[in-house]
């Protein structure tokens, strides 16, 4: 040991302070809000797929219970591939929505912001006068 005794109360308070700094940073709170909204968004998409899209698809493909009844039987074991197809469609719709929002919408926003920043400010009166003087000197 290095000769300094550890004070458990001091160590606990230090740990608590570090946790407060971490947990209540803006980034962590923003991340938590994003996760909660993402979970709610996932439930909406899940409902869209299970209650609207897949029943519409099951109208096109005949079956007893729609896509829920799509099963293969191998050696007496049922393999419910209809449920798997429903989950794949669910994933594809979530991925498409995220792509449209993150890549297209946010990309468009950041692109327009960058284009605004790229435009040079209009020249001041002094800069205009200096440009006129430069042009006159070039002619002489």
N, C-alpha and C. Protein backbone atom coordinates (compact mmCIF):
# COMPACT_ATOMS: atom_id res chain seq x y z
N UNK A 1 0.82 -1.18 0.00
CA UNK A 1 0.00 0.00 0.00
C UNK A 1 0.87 1.24 0.00
N UNK A 2 0.29 2.35 -0.37
CA UNK A 2 1.05 3.59 -0.44
C UNK A 2 0.98 4.40 0.85
N UNK A 3 0.35 3.90 1.88
CA UNK A 3 0.35 4.57 3.16
C UNK A 3 -0.86 5.45 3.42
N UNK A 4 -1.73 5.69 2.41
CA UNK A 4 -2.91 6.52 2.62
C UNK A 4 -4.12 5.60 2.75
N UNK A 5 -4.80 5.70 3.88
CA UNK A 5 -5.97 4.85 4.06
C UNK A 5 -7.12 5.32 3.17
N UNK A 6 -7.90 4.37 2.68
CA UNK A 6 -9.06 4.70 1.85
C UNK A 6 -10.25 5.02 2.74
N UNK A 7 -10.88 6.13 2.48
CA UNK A 7 -12.06 6.52 3.22
C UNK A 7 -13.28 6.08 2.41
N UNK A 8 -14.03 5.07 2.88
CA UNK A 8 -15.15 4.56 2.10
C UNK A 8 -16.21 5.63 1.82
N UNK A 9 -16.46 6.53 2.74
CA UNK A 9 -17.46 7.57 2.52
C UNK A 9 -17.01 8.52 1.41
N UNK A 10 -15.72 8.86 1.42
CA UNK A 10 -15.18 9.75 0.40
C UNK A 10 -15.22 9.07 -0.98
N UNK A 11 -14.87 7.80 -1.00
CA UNK A 11 -14.90 7.05 -2.25
C UNK A 11 -16.32 6.96 -2.80
N UNK A 12 -17.29 6.71 -1.93
CA UNK A 12 -18.68 6.61 -2.36
C UNK A 12 -19.19 7.94 -2.88
N UNK A 13 -18.85 9.04 -2.20
CA UNK A 13 -19.27 10.37 -2.67
C UNK A 13 -18.63 10.71 -4.00
N UNK A 14 -17.37 10.34 -4.16
CA UNK A 14 -16.68 10.59 -5.42
C UNK A 14 -17.35 9.81 -6.56
N UNK A 15 -17.69 8.57 -6.28
CA UNK A 15 -18.36 7.74 -7.28
C UNK A 15 -19.73 8.32 -7.63
N UNK A 16 -20.44 8.80 -6.61
CA UNK A 16 -21.74 9.41 -6.83
C UNK A 16 -21.63 10.67 -7.67
N UNK A 17 -20.63 11.49 -7.41
CA UNK A 17 -20.41 12.71 -8.20
C UNK A 17 -20.11 12.37 -9.66
N UNK A 18 -19.25 11.38 -9.87
CA UNK A 18 -18.93 10.96 -11.24
C UNK A 18 -20.16 10.46 -11.96
N UNK A 19 -20.99 9.68 -11.25
CA UNK A 19 -22.22 9.17 -11.86
C UNK A 19 -23.16 10.31 -12.23
N UNK A 20 -23.30 11.30 -11.34
CA UNK A 20 -24.19 12.44 -11.63
C UNK A 20 -23.70 13.20 -12.86
N UNK A 21 -22.38 13.40 -12.96
CA UNK A 21 -21.83 14.10 -14.12
C UNK A 21 -22.13 13.33 -15.40
N UNK A 22 -22.00 12.01 -15.32
CA UNK A 22 -22.26 11.18 -16.50
C UNK A 22 -23.74 11.13 -16.84
N UNK A 23 -24.58 10.83 -15.87
CA UNK A 23 -25.99 10.56 -16.11
C UNK A 23 -26.78 11.79 -16.51
N UNK A 24 -26.35 12.95 -16.06
CA UNK A 24 -27.14 14.13 -16.34
C UNK A 24 -26.50 15.05 -17.36
N UNK A 25 -25.56 14.53 -18.11
CA UNK A 25 -25.03 15.26 -19.25
C UNK A 25 -26.13 15.34 -20.29
N UNK A 26 -26.10 16.36 -21.11
CA UNK A 26 -27.11 16.52 -22.15
C UNK A 26 -27.14 15.35 -23.12
N UNK A 27 -25.97 14.81 -23.46
CA UNK A 27 -25.92 13.72 -24.43
C UNK A 27 -26.63 12.47 -23.93
N UNK A 28 -26.46 12.16 -22.66
CA UNK A 28 -27.08 10.95 -22.11
C UNK A 28 -28.59 11.10 -22.08
N UNK A 29 -29.06 12.27 -21.67
CA UNK A 29 -30.51 12.50 -21.63
C UNK A 29 -31.08 12.46 -23.06
N UNK A 30 -30.39 13.08 -24.00
CA UNK A 30 -30.84 13.03 -25.40
C UNK A 30 -30.89 11.60 -25.92
N UNK A 31 -29.89 10.82 -25.56
CA UNK A 31 -29.86 9.41 -25.98
C UNK A 31 -31.03 8.65 -25.40
N UNK A 32 -31.32 8.88 -24.13
CA UNK A 32 -32.44 8.19 -23.48
C UNK A 32 -33.77 8.56 -24.16
N UNK A 33 -33.94 9.83 -24.45
CA UNK A 33 -35.17 10.26 -25.14
C UNK A 33 -35.25 9.60 -26.51
N UNK A 34 -34.12 9.54 -27.22
CA UNK A 34 -34.09 8.90 -28.53
C UNK A 34 -34.45 7.42 -28.47
N UNK A 35 -33.96 6.73 -27.45
CA UNK A 35 -34.27 5.30 -27.30
C UNK A 35 -35.76 5.11 -27.04
N UNK A 36 -36.32 5.95 -26.17
CA UNK A 36 -37.76 5.83 -25.85
C UNK A 36 -38.61 6.11 -27.08
N UNK A 37 -38.28 7.15 -27.80
CA UNK A 37 -39.05 7.48 -29.02
C UNK A 37 -38.85 6.38 -30.06
N UNK A 38 -37.64 5.86 -30.16
CA UNK A 38 -37.39 4.76 -31.11
C UNK A 38 -38.19 3.52 -30.77
N UNK A 39 -38.32 3.22 -29.49
CA UNK A 39 -39.12 2.05 -29.08
C UNK A 39 -40.59 2.27 -29.43
N UNK A 40 -41.09 3.47 -29.20
CA UNK A 40 -42.48 3.77 -29.54
C UNK A 40 -42.69 3.70 -31.05
N UNK A 41 -41.72 4.22 -31.80
CA UNK A 41 -41.79 4.17 -33.26
C UNK A 41 -41.79 2.72 -33.74
N UNK A 42 -40.96 1.89 -33.11
CA UNK A 42 -40.91 0.47 -33.47
C UNK A 42 -42.25 -0.22 -33.23
N UNK A 43 -42.93 0.14 -32.15
CA UNK A 43 -44.25 -0.46 -31.88
C UNK A 43 -45.26 -0.04 -32.93
N UNK A 44 -45.20 1.21 -33.35
CA UNK A 44 -46.13 1.68 -34.39
C UNK A 44 -45.89 0.92 -35.69
N UNK A 45 -44.64 0.79 -36.08
CA UNK A 45 -44.31 0.06 -37.31
C UNK A 45 -44.71 -1.40 -37.18
N UNK A 46 -44.46 -2.00 -36.02
CA UNK A 46 -44.84 -3.39 -35.78
C UNK A 46 -46.35 -3.56 -35.97
N UNK A 47 -47.12 -2.64 -35.42
CA UNK A 47 -48.58 -2.70 -35.57
C UNK A 47 -48.98 -2.52 -37.03
N UNK A 48 -48.33 -1.60 -37.72
CA UNK A 48 -48.62 -1.38 -39.14
C UNK A 48 -48.41 -2.66 -39.94
N UNK A 49 -47.30 -3.32 -39.68
CA UNK A 49 -46.99 -4.55 -40.42
C UNK A 49 -47.97 -5.67 -40.06
N UNK A 50 -48.15 -5.91 -38.75
CA UNK A 50 -48.96 -7.04 -38.31
C UNK A 50 -50.45 -6.86 -38.58
N UNK A 51 -50.95 -5.64 -38.47
CA UNK A 51 -52.39 -5.44 -38.56
C UNK A 51 -52.87 -4.89 -39.90
N UNK A 52 -51.97 -4.33 -40.70
CA UNK A 52 -52.40 -3.79 -41.99
C UNK A 52 -51.72 -4.47 -43.18
N UNK A 53 -50.38 -4.40 -43.21
CA UNK A 53 -49.68 -4.89 -44.40
C UNK A 53 -49.76 -6.40 -44.58
N UNK A 54 -49.44 -7.15 -43.54
CA UNK A 54 -49.44 -8.60 -43.69
C UNK A 54 -50.85 -9.16 -43.94
N UNK A 55 -51.90 -8.64 -43.31
CA UNK A 55 -53.23 -9.12 -43.69
C UNK A 55 -53.57 -8.80 -45.16
N UNK A 56 -53.11 -7.65 -45.66
CA UNK A 56 -53.32 -7.34 -47.08
C UNK A 56 -52.55 -8.31 -47.96
N UNK A 57 -51.33 -8.64 -47.56
CA UNK A 57 -50.54 -9.62 -48.32
C UNK A 57 -51.22 -10.98 -48.27
N UNK A 58 -51.78 -11.32 -47.12
CA UNK A 58 -52.42 -12.64 -47.00
C UNK A 58 -53.69 -12.74 -47.85
N UNK A 59 -54.27 -11.60 -48.23
CA UNK A 59 -55.41 -11.63 -49.16
C UNK A 59 -54.97 -12.11 -50.54
N UNK A 60 -53.74 -11.76 -50.90
CA UNK A 60 -53.22 -12.14 -52.21
C UNK A 60 -52.80 -13.61 -52.25
N UNK A 61 -52.31 -14.09 -51.13
CA UNK A 61 -51.86 -15.48 -51.06
C UNK A 61 -52.88 -16.24 -50.22
N UNK A 62 -53.54 -17.23 -50.82
CA UNK A 62 -54.58 -17.92 -50.07
C UNK A 62 -54.01 -18.71 -48.90
N UNK A 63 -54.76 -18.74 -47.83
CA UNK A 63 -54.36 -19.50 -46.66
C UNK A 63 -55.47 -19.42 -45.63
N UNK A 64 -55.43 -20.32 -44.67
CA UNK A 64 -56.48 -20.39 -43.67
C UNK A 64 -56.45 -19.19 -42.74
N UNK A 65 -55.30 -18.89 -42.15
CA UNK A 65 -55.18 -17.80 -41.19
C UNK A 65 -54.32 -16.67 -41.73
N UNK A 66 -54.28 -16.50 -43.01
CA UNK A 66 -53.40 -15.49 -43.58
C UNK A 66 -51.95 -15.88 -43.40
N UNK A 67 -51.10 -14.90 -43.21
CA UNK A 67 -49.67 -15.20 -43.09
C UNK A 67 -49.34 -15.93 -41.79
N UNK A 68 -50.20 -15.82 -40.77
CA UNK A 68 -49.96 -16.55 -39.52
C UNK A 68 -50.03 -18.06 -39.73
N UNK A 69 -50.81 -18.47 -40.71
CA UNK A 69 -50.96 -19.89 -40.96
C UNK A 69 -49.93 -20.46 -41.92
N UNK A 70 -49.04 -19.63 -42.43
CA UNK A 70 -48.02 -20.11 -43.36
C UNK A 70 -46.99 -20.91 -42.57
N UNK A 71 -47.04 -22.21 -42.76
CA UNK A 71 -46.14 -23.10 -42.03
C UNK A 71 -45.66 -24.21 -42.94
N UNK A 72 -44.47 -24.66 -42.69
CA UNK A 72 -43.96 -25.85 -43.36
C UNK A 72 -43.83 -26.92 -42.29
N UNK A 73 -44.12 -28.16 -42.67
CA UNK A 73 -44.01 -29.26 -41.71
C UNK A 73 -42.91 -30.20 -42.22
N UNK A 74 -41.89 -30.38 -41.38
CA UNK A 74 -40.77 -31.25 -41.72
C UNK A 74 -40.64 -32.26 -40.60
N UNK A 75 -40.85 -33.54 -40.94
CA UNK A 75 -40.78 -34.63 -39.96
C UNK A 75 -41.67 -34.36 -38.74
N UNK A 76 -42.84 -33.83 -38.98
CA UNK A 76 -43.79 -33.58 -37.91
C UNK A 76 -43.54 -32.31 -37.12
N UNK A 77 -42.51 -31.54 -37.49
CA UNK A 77 -42.21 -30.28 -36.80
C UNK A 77 -42.68 -29.12 -37.67
N UNK A 78 -43.49 -28.25 -37.06
CA UNK A 78 -43.99 -27.09 -37.81
C UNK A 78 -42.96 -25.96 -37.78
N UNK A 79 -42.74 -25.36 -38.94
CA UNK A 79 -41.84 -24.23 -39.07
C UNK A 79 -42.68 -23.05 -39.56
N UNK A 80 -43.00 -22.09 -38.67
CA UNK A 80 -43.89 -20.98 -39.03
C UNK A 80 -43.15 -19.88 -39.80
N UNK A 81 -42.93 -20.10 -41.09
CA UNK A 81 -42.18 -19.13 -41.87
C UNK A 81 -42.98 -17.86 -42.12
N UNK A 82 -44.30 -17.90 -41.98
CA UNK A 82 -45.12 -16.69 -42.14
C UNK A 82 -44.79 -15.65 -41.09
N UNK A 83 -44.56 -16.09 -39.86
CA UNK A 83 -44.18 -15.16 -38.79
C UNK A 83 -42.83 -14.52 -39.10
N UNK A 84 -41.92 -15.35 -39.63
CA UNK A 84 -40.60 -14.83 -40.00
C UNK A 84 -40.72 -13.79 -41.10
N UNK A 85 -41.53 -14.05 -42.10
CA UNK A 85 -41.72 -13.09 -43.19
C UNK A 85 -42.30 -11.78 -42.64
N UNK A 86 -43.24 -11.89 -41.70
CA UNK A 86 -43.80 -10.70 -41.07
C UNK A 86 -42.73 -9.87 -40.36
N UNK A 87 -41.82 -10.53 -39.66
CA UNK A 87 -40.74 -9.82 -38.97
C UNK A 87 -39.76 -9.19 -39.96
N UNK A 88 -39.51 -9.87 -41.08
CA UNK A 88 -38.62 -9.32 -42.10
C UNK A 88 -39.25 -8.06 -42.71
N UNK A 89 -40.54 -8.12 -43.01
CA UNK A 89 -41.24 -6.94 -43.55
C UNK A 89 -41.19 -5.81 -42.52
N UNK A 90 -41.41 -6.15 -41.26
CA UNK A 90 -41.33 -5.17 -40.19
C UNK A 90 -39.96 -4.49 -40.18
N UNK A 91 -38.90 -5.27 -40.23
CA UNK A 91 -37.55 -4.73 -40.24
C UNK A 91 -37.31 -3.84 -41.44
N UNK A 92 -37.75 -4.29 -42.62
CA UNK A 92 -37.51 -3.51 -43.83
C UNK A 92 -38.22 -2.15 -43.77
N UNK A 93 -39.42 -2.11 -43.20
CA UNK A 93 -40.13 -0.84 -43.10
C UNK A 93 -39.44 0.08 -42.11
N UNK A 94 -39.00 -0.46 -40.97
CA UNK A 94 -38.27 0.36 -40.00
C UNK A 94 -36.98 0.88 -40.63
N UNK A 95 -36.25 0.02 -41.33
CA UNK A 95 -35.00 0.42 -41.96
C UNK A 95 -35.25 1.49 -43.02
N UNK A 96 -36.32 1.34 -43.80
CA UNK A 96 -36.66 2.34 -44.81
C UNK A 96 -37.00 3.68 -44.16
N UNK A 97 -37.81 3.65 -43.11
CA UNK A 97 -38.18 4.89 -42.42
C UNK A 97 -36.95 5.58 -41.84
N UNK A 98 -36.06 4.81 -41.21
CA UNK A 98 -34.84 5.39 -40.66
C UNK A 98 -33.96 5.95 -41.77
N UNK A 99 -33.85 5.23 -42.88
CA UNK A 99 -33.05 5.71 -44.00
C UNK A 99 -33.59 7.03 -44.51
N UNK A 100 -34.91 7.09 -44.72
CA UNK A 100 -35.51 8.31 -45.23
C UNK A 100 -35.31 9.47 -44.27
N UNK A 101 -35.45 9.20 -42.98
CA UNK A 101 -35.31 10.28 -42.01
C UNK A 101 -33.86 10.69 -41.82
N UNK A 102 -32.98 9.72 -41.57
CA UNK A 102 -31.60 10.06 -41.24
C UNK A 102 -30.80 10.48 -42.47
N UNK A 103 -30.84 9.67 -43.50
CA UNK A 103 -29.99 9.94 -44.66
C UNK A 103 -30.57 11.04 -45.54
N UNK A 104 -31.83 10.95 -45.86
CA UNK A 104 -32.41 11.91 -46.79
C UNK A 104 -32.80 13.22 -46.12
N UNK A 105 -33.64 13.15 -45.07
CA UNK A 105 -34.14 14.38 -44.45
C UNK A 105 -33.04 15.13 -43.71
N UNK A 106 -32.34 14.45 -42.79
CA UNK A 106 -31.28 15.13 -42.05
C UNK A 106 -30.11 15.48 -42.96
N UNK A 107 -29.84 14.65 -43.96
CA UNK A 107 -28.79 14.97 -44.93
C UNK A 107 -29.14 16.21 -45.72
N UNK A 108 -30.41 16.35 -46.08
CA UNK A 108 -30.85 17.54 -46.80
C UNK A 108 -30.73 18.78 -45.92
N UNK A 109 -31.10 18.63 -44.63
CA UNK A 109 -30.99 19.77 -43.71
C UNK A 109 -29.54 20.20 -43.54
N UNK A 110 -28.65 19.24 -43.30
CA UNK A 110 -27.25 19.61 -43.08
C UNK A 110 -26.62 20.14 -44.37
N UNK A 111 -27.03 19.62 -45.51
CA UNK A 111 -26.50 20.10 -46.78
C UNK A 111 -26.89 21.55 -47.00
N UNK A 112 -28.17 21.87 -46.73
CA UNK A 112 -28.61 23.25 -46.93
C UNK A 112 -27.92 24.18 -45.95
N UNK A 113 -27.66 23.72 -44.73
CA UNK A 113 -26.93 24.54 -43.75
C UNK A 113 -25.49 24.77 -44.21
N UNK A 114 -24.86 23.74 -44.78
CA UNK A 114 -23.49 23.88 -45.26
C UNK A 114 -23.44 24.84 -46.44
N UNK A 115 -24.43 24.77 -47.32
CA UNK A 115 -24.46 25.66 -48.47
C UNK A 115 -24.63 27.11 -48.01
N UNK A 116 -25.43 27.32 -46.95
CA UNK A 116 -25.59 28.67 -46.42
C UNK A 116 -24.26 29.20 -45.90
N UNK A 117 -23.49 28.31 -45.26
CA UNK A 117 -22.21 28.73 -44.70
C UNK A 117 -21.17 28.98 -45.77
N UNK A 118 -21.27 28.34 -46.92
CA UNK A 118 -20.27 28.47 -47.97
C UNK A 118 -20.36 29.80 -48.69
N UNK A 119 -21.51 30.45 -48.69
CA UNK A 119 -21.65 31.72 -49.39
C UNK A 119 -20.81 32.78 -48.68
N UNK A 120 -19.95 33.46 -49.43
CA UNK A 120 -19.14 34.49 -48.80
C UNK A 120 -20.01 35.70 -48.47
N UNK A 121 -19.64 36.43 -47.43
CA UNK A 121 -20.42 37.63 -47.11
C UNK A 121 -20.22 38.69 -48.19
N UNK A 122 -21.19 39.56 -48.38
CA UNK A 122 -21.02 40.60 -49.41
C UNK A 122 -19.85 41.51 -49.02
N UNK A 123 -19.14 42.04 -50.00
CA UNK A 123 -17.97 42.87 -49.69
C UNK A 123 -18.40 44.18 -49.01
N UNK A 124 -17.52 44.63 -48.13
CA UNK A 124 -17.78 45.90 -47.46
C UNK A 124 -17.46 47.04 -48.42
N UNK A 125 -17.80 48.25 -48.03
CA UNK A 125 -17.53 49.42 -48.88
C UNK A 125 -16.04 49.58 -49.09
N UNK A 126 -15.25 49.32 -48.05
CA UNK A 126 -13.79 49.42 -48.18
C UNK A 126 -13.26 48.41 -49.18
N UNK A 127 -13.80 47.17 -49.13
CA UNK A 127 -13.35 46.14 -50.07
C UNK A 127 -13.72 46.52 -51.50
N UNK A 128 -14.89 47.11 -51.69
CA UNK A 128 -15.29 47.55 -53.04
C UNK A 128 -14.34 48.62 -53.56
N UNK A 129 -13.99 49.60 -52.70
CA UNK A 129 -13.07 50.66 -53.10
C UNK A 129 -11.69 50.11 -53.44
N UNK A 130 -11.22 49.16 -52.61
CA UNK A 130 -9.92 48.54 -52.90
C UNK A 130 -9.94 47.76 -54.21
N UNK A 131 -11.06 47.11 -54.50
CA UNK A 131 -11.18 46.38 -55.77
C UNK A 131 -11.17 47.37 -56.94
N UNK A 132 -11.82 48.51 -56.80
CA UNK A 132 -11.81 49.52 -57.86
C UNK A 132 -10.39 50.05 -58.08
N UNK A 133 -9.67 50.32 -56.98
CA UNK A 133 -8.30 50.81 -57.09
C UNK A 133 -7.44 49.76 -57.78
N UNK A 134 -7.60 48.49 -57.41
CA UNK A 134 -6.83 47.41 -58.03
C UNK A 134 -7.10 47.36 -59.53
N UNK A 135 -8.38 47.45 -59.90
CA UNK A 135 -8.74 47.40 -61.32
C UNK A 135 -8.15 48.59 -62.08
N UNK A 136 -8.16 49.78 -61.45
CA UNK A 136 -7.57 50.97 -62.11
C UNK A 136 -6.07 50.81 -62.28
N UNK A 137 -5.41 50.21 -61.28
CA UNK A 137 -3.97 50.01 -61.38
C UNK A 137 -3.63 48.99 -62.45
N UNK A 138 -4.50 47.99 -62.65
CA UNK A 138 -4.25 46.99 -63.70
C UNK A 138 -4.34 47.62 -65.07
N UNK A 139 -5.24 48.57 -65.23
CA UNK A 139 -5.41 49.24 -66.53
C UNK A 139 -4.24 50.15 -66.83
N UNK A 140 -3.61 50.72 -65.81
CA UNK A 140 -2.53 51.68 -66.03
C UNK A 140 -1.23 51.03 -66.41
